Amino acid sequence: MGEGRLSILLVILLVLISGFACASDDAPPEIPAQYWGLITLNGGAAGNGLAVTAEVGGINRAQSSLTSGGYYNVILTGGDKSLTYDSDRTCATHWAAGQACVPCTSTADCIEGPQDGADIMIKVSGVGNMPWLDWAKGSNSRTDIVNPIGDWEKGGCVDMADFGFFANHYGETPASPGWNVMYDIIKDDSVDMADFGVFANHYNEGLCS
């Protein structure tokens, strides 16, 4: 290969490397975090095909995911990524250069998404579970989570609202018009004191304030 052609290729390579470096400095790639584990709903393994979300500050950060074989598996993105800098809070410099930017008034406002240590609530079919997880960029960790027995109101806590549901079905059997096997906790075809005893043992469990 001639020296002239080699010089041209070298120049092109340097330009490409420089371009990549600039792009990387201006828009660092998102670092995903992955969480997985067994999930228990009302005392049993979660069924297949239930939608799983992972909320941070009320915003779902998880890629689309469904339960499978009693497990959840979520990949979270959108965190630990600066959209602007303290030196350009109005975005004037970035916008003039044709670069993506979101204006902000403080350092905290200049961050898109959660940061390391932020609380994550895993939800299955919209129901919150425990324990909460901690966001950590690049994480890949197993945490088994549980939705407590008796949380029929699906508020993430076994409380008086759930007791109301149970009381409305107390005394029912499969022959009853309003029969719902969900309230037959011990599965003996009757919603009775045995079921109430289990419910009472789990009262105030979950994400209760």
C-alpha atoms as a PDB file:
ATOM      1  CA  MET A   1       0.000   0.000   0.000  1.00  0.00           C
ATOM      2  CA  GLY A   2       1.397   3.423  -0.997  1.00  0.00           C
ATOM      3  CA  GLU A   3       2.370   5.924   1.682  1.00  0.00           C
ATOM      4  CA  GLY A   4      -0.141   8.425   0.273  1.00  0.00           C
ATOM      5  CA  ARG A   5      -3.056   6.015   0.574  1.00  0.00           C
ATOM      6  CA  LEU A   6      -1.904   4.958   4.051  1.00  0.00           C
ATOM      7  CA  SER A   7      -1.795   8.601   5.130  1.00  0.00           C
ATOM      8  CA  ILE A   8      -5.325   9.191   3.853  1.00  0.00           C
ATOM      9  CA  LEU A   9      -6.663   6.152   5.703  1.00  0.00           C
ATOM     10  CA  LEU A  10      -4.888   7.280   8.860  1.00  0.00           C
ATOM     11  CA  VAL A  11      -6.465  10.717   8.615  1.00  0.00           C
ATOM     12  CA  ILE A  12      -9.931   9.165   8.119  1.00  0.00           C
ATOM     13  CA  LEU A  13      -9.395   6.889  11.110  1.00  0.00           C
ATOM     14  CA  LEU A  14      -8.379   9.820  13.306  1.00  0.00           C
ATOM     15  CA  VAL A  15     -11.440  11.779  12.212  1.00  0.00           C
ATOM     16  CA  LEU A  16     -13.724   8.857  13.016  1.00  0.00           C
ATOM     17  CA  ILE A  17     -12.131   8.326  16.418  1.00  0.00           C
ATOM     18  CA  SER A  18     -12.448  12.032  17.147  1.00  0.00           C
ATOM     19  CA  GLY A  19     -16.098  11.972  16.130  1.00  0.00           C
ATOM     20  CA  PHE A  20     -16.849   9.001  18.361  1.00  0.00           C
ATOM     21  CA  ALA A  21     -15.092  10.668  21.272  1.00  0.00           C
ATOM     22  CA  CYS A  22     -17.095  13.856  20.827  1.00  0.00           C
ATOM     23  CA  ALA A  23     -20.361  11.937  20.585  1.00  0.00           C
ATOM     24  CA  SER A  24     -19.472   9.969  23.675  1.00  0.00           C
ATOM     25  CA  ASP A  25     -18.641  13.122  25.648  1.00  0.00           C
ATOM     26  CA  ASP A  26     -21.875  14.823  24.672  1.00  0.00           C
ATOM     27  CA  ALA A  27     -24.245  11.873  25.051  1.00  0.00           C
ATOM     28  CA  PRO A  28     -22.846   9.094  27.218  1.00  0.00           C
ATOM     29  CA  PRO A  29     -24.609   5.763  26.638  1.00  0.00           C
ATOM     30  CA  GLU A  30     -27.159   4.647  29.146  1.00  0.00           C
ATOM     31  CA  ILE A  31     -25.974   1.936  31.516  1.00  0.00           C
ATOM     32  CA  PRO A  32     -28.751  -0.608  32.052  1.00  0.00           C
ATOM     33  CA  ALA A  33     -29.448  -2.475  35.276  1.00  0.00           C
ATOM     34  CA  GLN A  34     -30.980  -5.935  35.404  1.00  0.00           C
ATOM     35  CA  TYR A  35     -32.981  -7.455  38.254  1.00  0.00           C
ATOM     36  CA  TRP A  36     -34.544 -10.896  38.426  1.00  0.00           C
ATOM     37  CA  GLY A  37     -35.811 -13.549  40.822  1.00  0.00           C
ATOM     38  CA  LEU A  38     -38.748 -15.602  42.009  1.00  0.00           C
ATOM     39  CA  ILE A  39     -41.981 -13.743  42.607  1.00  0.00           C
ATOM     40  CA  THR A  40     -44.684 -14.940  44.986  1.00  0.00           C
ATOM     41  CA  LEU A  41     -48.243 -13.630  44.765  1.00  0.00           C
ATOM     42  CA  ASN A  42     -50.725 -14.415  47.533  1.00  0.00           C
ATOM     43  CA  GLY A  43     -48.667 -17.360  48.741  1.00  0.00           C
ATOM     44  CA  GLY A  44     -48.031 -18.987  45.360  1.00  0.00           C
ATOM     45  CA  ALA A  45     -45.672 -18.654  42.422  1.00  0.00           C
ATOM     46  CA  ALA A  46     -46.657 -15.987  39.918  1.00  0.00           C
ATOM     47  CA  GLY A  47     -48.317 -17.258  36.761  1.00  0.00           C
ATOM     48  CA  ASN A  48     -46.890 -16.836  33.282  1.00  0.00           C
ATOM     49  CA  GLY A  49     -47.456 -13.806  31.093  1.00  0.00           C
ATOM     50  CA  LEU A  50     -48.052 -11.190  33.807  1.00  0.00           C
ATOM     51  CA  ALA A  51     -46.755  -7.703  32.961  1.00  0.00           C
ATOM     52  CA  VAL A  52     -43.770  -6.609  35.045  1.00  0.00           C
ATOM     53  CA  THR A  53     -42.777  -2.977  35.562  1.00  0.00           C
ATOM     54  CA  ALA A  54     -40.101  -1.312  37.670  1.00  0.00           C
ATOM     55  CA  GLU A  55     -40.992   2.159  38.933  1.00  0.00           C
ATOM     56  CA  VAL A  56     -38.612   4.809  40.194  1.00  0.00           C
ATOM     57  CA  GLY A  57     -40.341   7.930  41.449  1.00  0.00           C
ATOM     58  CA  GLY A  58     -43.600   6.715  39.899  1.00  0.00           C
ATOM     59  CA  ILE A  59     -42.053   6.336  36.417  1.00  0.00           C
ATOM     60  CA  ASN A  60     -41.659   2.911  34.813  1.00  0.00           C
ATOM     61  CA  ARG A  61     -38.003   2.404  33.832  1.00  0.00           C
ATOM     62  CA  ALA A  62     -38.250  -1.228  32.720  1.00  0.00           C
ATOM     63  CA  GLN A  63     -38.200  -2.613  29.232  1.00  0.00           C
ATOM     64  CA  SER A  64     -41.281  -4.663  28.341  1.00  0.00           C
ATOM     65  CA  SER A  65     -41.246  -7.858  30.403  1.00  0.00           C
ATOM     66  CA  LEU A  66     -43.554 -10.735  31.412  1.00  0.00           C
ATOM     67  CA  THR A  67     -43.358 -13.290  34.218  1.00  0.00           C
ATOM     68  CA  SER A  68     -42.297 -16.802  33.240  1.00  0.00           C
ATOM     69  CA  GLY A  69     -41.947 -19.970  35.308  1.00  0.00           C
ATOM     70  CA  GLY A  70     -42.558 -18.046  38.533  1.00  0.00           C
ATOM     71  CA  TYR A  71     -39.758 -15.583  37.785  1.00  0.00           C
ATOM     72  CA  TYR A  72     -39.591 -11.923  36.867  1.00  0.00           C
ATOM     73  CA  ASN A  73     -36.733 -10.427  34.857  1.00  0.00           C
ATOM     74  CA  VAL A  74     -36.491  -6.702  34.155  1.00  0.00           C
ATOM     75  CA  ILE A  75     -33.902  -4.524  32.475  1.00  0.00           C
ATOM     76  CA  LEU A  76     -33.980  -0.885  33.560  1.00  0.00           C
ATOM     77  CA  THR A  77     -32.715   1.971  31.433  1.00  0.00           C
ATOM     78  CA  GLY A  78     -32.839   5.741  31.440  1.00  0.00           C
ATOM     79  CA  GLY A  79     -30.747   6.468  34.488  1.00  0.00           C
ATOM     80  CA  ASP A  80     -27.323   7.876  35.325  1.00  0.00           C
ATOM     81  CA  LYS A  81     -27.271   9.982  32.173  1.00  0.00           C
ATOM     82  CA  SER A  82     -26.631  13.720  32.125  1.00  0.00           C
ATOM     83  CA  LEU A  83     -28.654  15.650  29.552  1.00  0.00           C
ATOM     84  CA  THR A  84     -26.893  18.946  30.095  1.00  0.00           C
ATOM     85  CA  TYR A  85     -24.136  20.508  32.182  1.00  0.00           C
ATOM     86  CA  ASP A  86     -23.856  23.119  34.908  1.00  0.00           C
ATOM     87  CA  SER A  87     -21.892  25.272  32.472  1.00  0.00           C
ATOM     88  CA  ASP A  88     -24.791  25.265  29.990  1.00  0.00           C
ATOM     89  CA  ARG A  89     -27.997  25.112  31.993  1.00  0.00           C
ATOM     90  CA  THR A  90     -29.941  27.104  29.387  1.00  0.00           C
ATOM     91  CA  CYS A  91     -28.778  24.698  26.643  1.00  0.00           C
ATOM     92  CA  ALA A  92     -27.783  27.646  24.432  1.00  0.00           C
ATOM     93  CA  THR A  93     -24.356  26.181  23.584  1.00  0.00           C
ATOM     94  CA  HIS A  94     -25.659  22.673  22.920  1.00  0.00           C
ATOM     95  CA  TRP A  95     -28.574  23.867  20.820  1.00  0.00           C
ATOM     96  CA  ALA A  96     -26.299  26.140  18.794  1.00  0.00           C
ATOM     97  CA  ALA A  97     -24.198  23.061  18.020  1.00  0.00           C
ATOM     98  CA  GLY A  98     -27.282  21.042  17.098  1.00  0.00           C
ATOM     99  CA  GLN A  99     -26.945  18.781  20.125  1.00  0.00           C
ATOM    100  CA  ALA A 100     -29.716  17.314  22.284  1.00  0.00           C
ATOM    101  CA  CYS A 101     -30.181  19.102  25.585  1.00  0.00           C
ATOM    102  CA  VAL A 102     -32.786  19.714  28.280  1.00  0.00           C
ATOM    103  CA  PRO A 103     -32.632  23.023  30.185  1.00  0.00           C
ATOM    104  CA  CYS A 104     -32.324  22.853  33.946  1.00  0.00           C
ATOM    105  CA  THR A 105     -31.830  25.164  36.913  1.00  0.00           C
ATOM    106  CA  SER A 106     -29.803  22.957  39.246  1.00  0.00           C
ATOM    107  CA  THR A 107     -27.453  19.999  39.116  1.00  0.00           C
ATOM    108  CA  ALA A 108     -30.216  17.651  40.284  1.00  0.00           C
ATOM    109  CA  ASP A 109     -32.457  18.792  37.434  1.00  0.00           C
ATOM    110  CA  CYS A 110     -29.737  18.024  34.898  1.00  0.00           C
ATOM    111  CA  ILE A 111     -30.017  14.277  35.359  1.00  0.00           C
ATOM    112  CA  GLU A 112     -32.428  12.116  33.389  1.00  0.00           C
ATOM    113  CA  GLY A 113     -33.825   9.261  35.369  1.00  0.00           C
ATOM    114  CA  PRO A 114     -32.699   7.769  38.670  1.00  0.00           C
ATOM    115  CA  GLN A 115     -29.229   7.692  40.129  1.00  0.00           C
ATOM    116  CA  ASP A 116     -27.429   5.008  42.094  1.00  0.00           C
ATOM    117  CA  GLY A 117     -29.292   4.187  45.307  1.00  0.00           C
ATOM    118  CA  ALA A 118     -32.744   5.248  44.046  1.00  0.00           C
ATOM    119  CA  ASP A 119     -35.656   3.070  45.244  1.00  0.00           C
ATOM    120  CA  ILE A 120     -37.206   0.684  42.716  1.00  0.00           C
ATOM    121  CA  MET A 121     -40.667  -0.839  43.151  1.00  0.00           C
ATOM    122  CA  ILE A 122     -41.270  -3.975  41.112  1.00  0.00           C
ATOM    123  CA  LYS A 123     -44.916  -4.268  40.082  1.00  0.00           C
ATOM    124  CA  VAL A 124     -46.677  -7.285  38.578  1.00  0.00           C
ATOM    125  CA  SER A 125     -49.926  -6.502  36.780  1.00  0.00           C
ATOM    126  CA  GLY A 126     -49.785  -3.089  38.454  1.00  0.00           C
ATOM    127  CA  VAL A 127     -49.471  -4.460  41.999  1.00  0.00           C
ATOM    128  CA  GLY A 128     -46.532  -3.374  44.143  1.00  0.00           C
ATOM    129  CA  ASN A 129     -44.353  -5.975  45.819  1.00  0.00           C
ATOM    130  CA  MET A 130     -41.658  -6.123  48.482  1.00  0.00           C
ATOM    131  CA  PRO A 131     -38.823  -5.659  49.168  1.00  0.00           C
ATOM    132  CA  TRP A 132     -37.939  -2.472  47.334  1.00  0.00           C
ATOM    133  CA  LEU A 133     -34.743  -2.660  45.264  1.00  0.00           C
ATOM    134  CA  ASP A 134     -31.867  -0.185  44.941  1.00  0.00           C
ATOM    135  CA  TRP A 135     -30.884   1.147  41.554  1.00  0.00           C
ATOM    136  CA  ALA A 136     -27.248   0.459  40.672  1.00  0.00           C
ATOM    137  CA  LYS A 137     -26.033   1.076  37.135  1.00  0.00           C
ATOM    138  CA  GLY A 138     -24.639  -2.029  35.494  1.00  0.00           C
ATOM    139  CA  SER A 139     -26.179  -4.235  38.186  1.00  0.00           C
ATOM    140  CA  ASN A 140     -27.248  -7.814  37.494  1.00  0.00           C
ATOM    141  CA  SER A 141     -28.648  -9.265  40.685  1.00  0.00           C
ATOM    142  CA  ARG A 142     -31.261 -11.685  41.970  1.00  0.00           C
ATOM    143  CA  THR A 143     -33.870 -10.564  44.487  1.00  0.00           C
ATOM    144  CA  ASP A 144     -36.872 -12.770  45.240  1.00  0.00           C
ATOM    145  CA  ILE A 145     -39.935 -10.646  45.912  1.00  0.00           C
ATOM    146  CA  VAL A 146     -43.291 -11.281  47.519  1.00  0.00           C
ATOM    147  CA  ASN A 147     -46.787  -9.865  47.369  1.00  0.00           C
ATOM    148  CA  PRO A 148     -48.184 -10.731  50.810  1.00  0.00           C
ATOM    149  CA  ILE A 149     -51.001 -13.220  51.356  1.00  0.00           C
ATOM    150  CA  GLY A 150     -54.307 -11.413  51.774  1.00  0.00           C
ATOM    151  CA  ASP A 151     -53.551  -8.294  49.730  1.00  0.00           C
ATOM    152  CA  TRP A 152     -56.754  -8.655  47.706  1.00  0.00           C
ATOM    153  CA  GLU A 153     -57.228  -4.915  47.395  1.00  0.00           C
ATOM    154  CA  LYS A 154     -53.816  -4.923  45.641  1.00  0.00           C
ATOM    155  CA  GLY A 155     -52.475  -1.908  47.466  1.00  0.00           C
ATOM    156  CA  GLY A 156     -49.237  -3.599  48.447  1.00  0.00           C
ATOM    157  CA  CYS A 157     -50.296  -3.853  52.110  1.00  0.00           C
ATOM    158  CA  VAL A 158     -52.571  -6.277  53.977  1.00  0.00           C
ATOM    159  CA  ASP A 159     -54.918  -3.895  55.747  1.00  0.00           C
ATOM    160  CA  MET A 160     -58.537  -3.118  56.647  1.00  0.00           C
ATOM    161  CA  ALA A 161     -59.512  -2.791  53.002  1.00  0.00           C
ATOM    162  CA  ASP A 162     -58.480  -6.428  52.505  1.00  0.00           C
ATOM    163  CA  PHE A 163     -60.332  -7.448  55.662  1.00  0.00           C
ATOM    164  CA  GLY A 164     -63.456  -5.925  54.134  1.00  0.00           C
ATOM    165  CA  PHE A 165     -63.069  -8.104  51.045  1.00  0.00           C
ATOM    166  CA  PHE A 166     -62.533 -11.190  53.211  1.00  0.00           C
ATOM    167  CA  ALA A 167     -65.511 -10.429  55.439  1.00  0.00           C
ATOM    168  CA  ASN A 168     -67.784 -10.115  52.397  1.00  0.00           C
ATOM    169  CA  HIS A 169     -66.883 -13.654  51.350  1.00  0.00           C
ATOM    170  CA  TYR A 170     -66.733 -15.257  54.790  1.00  0.00           C
ATOM    171  CA  GLY A 171     -68.768 -18.462  55.061  1.00  0.00           C
ATOM    172  CA  GLU A 172     -68.886 -19.087  51.308  1.00  0.00           C
ATOM    173  CA  THR A 173     -68.335 -22.448  49.612  1.00  0.00           C
ATOM    174  CA  PRO A 174     -68.122 -23.436  45.921  1.00  0.00           C
ATOM    175  CA  ALA A 175     -71.940 -23.642  45.955  1.00  0.00           C
ATOM    176  CA  SER A 176     -72.291 -19.970  46.967  1.00  0.00           C
ATOM    177  CA  PRO A 177     -73.286 -17.450  44.257  1.00  0.00           C
ATOM    178  CA  GLY A 178     -70.345 -15.181  45.058  1.00  0.00           C
ATOM    179  CA  TRP A 179     -67.741 -17.931  45.507  1.00  0.00           C
ATOM    180  CA  ASN A 180     -64.177 -16.875  44.772  1.00  0.00           C
ATOM    181  CA  VAL A 181     -61.439 -19.392  45.443  1.00  0.00           C
ATOM    182  CA  MET A 182     -59.004 -16.523  46.048  1.00  0.00           C
ATOM    183  CA  TYR A 183     -60.407 -16.057  49.575  1.00  0.00           C
ATOM    184  CA  ASP A 184     -60.143 -19.770  50.371  1.00  0.00           C
ATOM    185  CA  ILE A 185     -56.533 -19.385  51.456  1.00  0.00           C
ATOM    186  CA  ILE A 186     -55.974 -22.958  52.648  1.00  0.00           C
ATOM    187  CA  LYS A 187     -57.940 -24.421  49.706  1.00  0.00           C
ATOM    188  CA  ASP A 188     -60.441 -26.585  51.598  1.00  0.00           C
ATOM    189  CA  ASP A 189     -63.520 -25.364  49.696  1.00  0.00           C
ATOM    190  CA  SER A 190     -64.678 -23.077  52.473  1.00  0.00           C
ATOM    191  CA  VAL A 191     -63.905 -19.519  53.535  1.00  0.00           C
ATOM    192  CA  ASP A 192     -63.821 -19.985  57.278  1.00  0.00           C
ATOM    193  CA  MET A 193     -61.919 -19.383  60.513  1.00  0.00           C
ATOM    194  CA  ALA A 194     -58.934 -21.360  59.251  1.00  0.00           C
ATOM    195  CA  ASP A 195     -58.566 -18.895  56.388  1.00  0.00           C
ATOM    196  CA  PHE A 196     -59.102 -15.986  58.737  1.00  0.00           C
ATOM    197  CA  GLY A 197     -56.285 -17.259  60.954  1.00  0.00           C
ATOM    198  CA  VAL A 198     -53.879 -17.203  58.004  1.00  0.00           C
ATOM    199  CA  PHE A 199     -55.094 -13.755  56.989  1.00  0.00           C
ATOM    200  CA  ALA A 200     -54.629 -12.451  60.535  1.00  0.00           C
ATOM    201  CA  ASN A 201     -51.071 -13.760  60.635  1.00  0.00           C
ATOM    202  CA  HIS A 202     -50.248 -11.715  57.559  1.00  0.00           C
ATOM    203  CA  TYR A 203     -52.139  -8.576  58.560  1.00  0.00           C
ATOM    204  CA  ASN A 204     -50.104  -5.372  58.124  1.00  0.00           C
ATOM    205  CA  GLU A 205     -47.536  -7.110  55.935  1.00  0.00           C
ATOM    206  CA  GLY A 206     -46.241  -5.480  52.780  1.00  0.00           C
ATOM    207  CA  LEU A 207     -45.593  -1.896  51.849  1.00  0.00           C
ATOM    208  CA  CYS A 208     -47.601  -0.444  54.728  1.00  0.00           C
ATOM    209  CA  SER A 209     -47.094   3.132  55.874  1.00  0.00           C
END
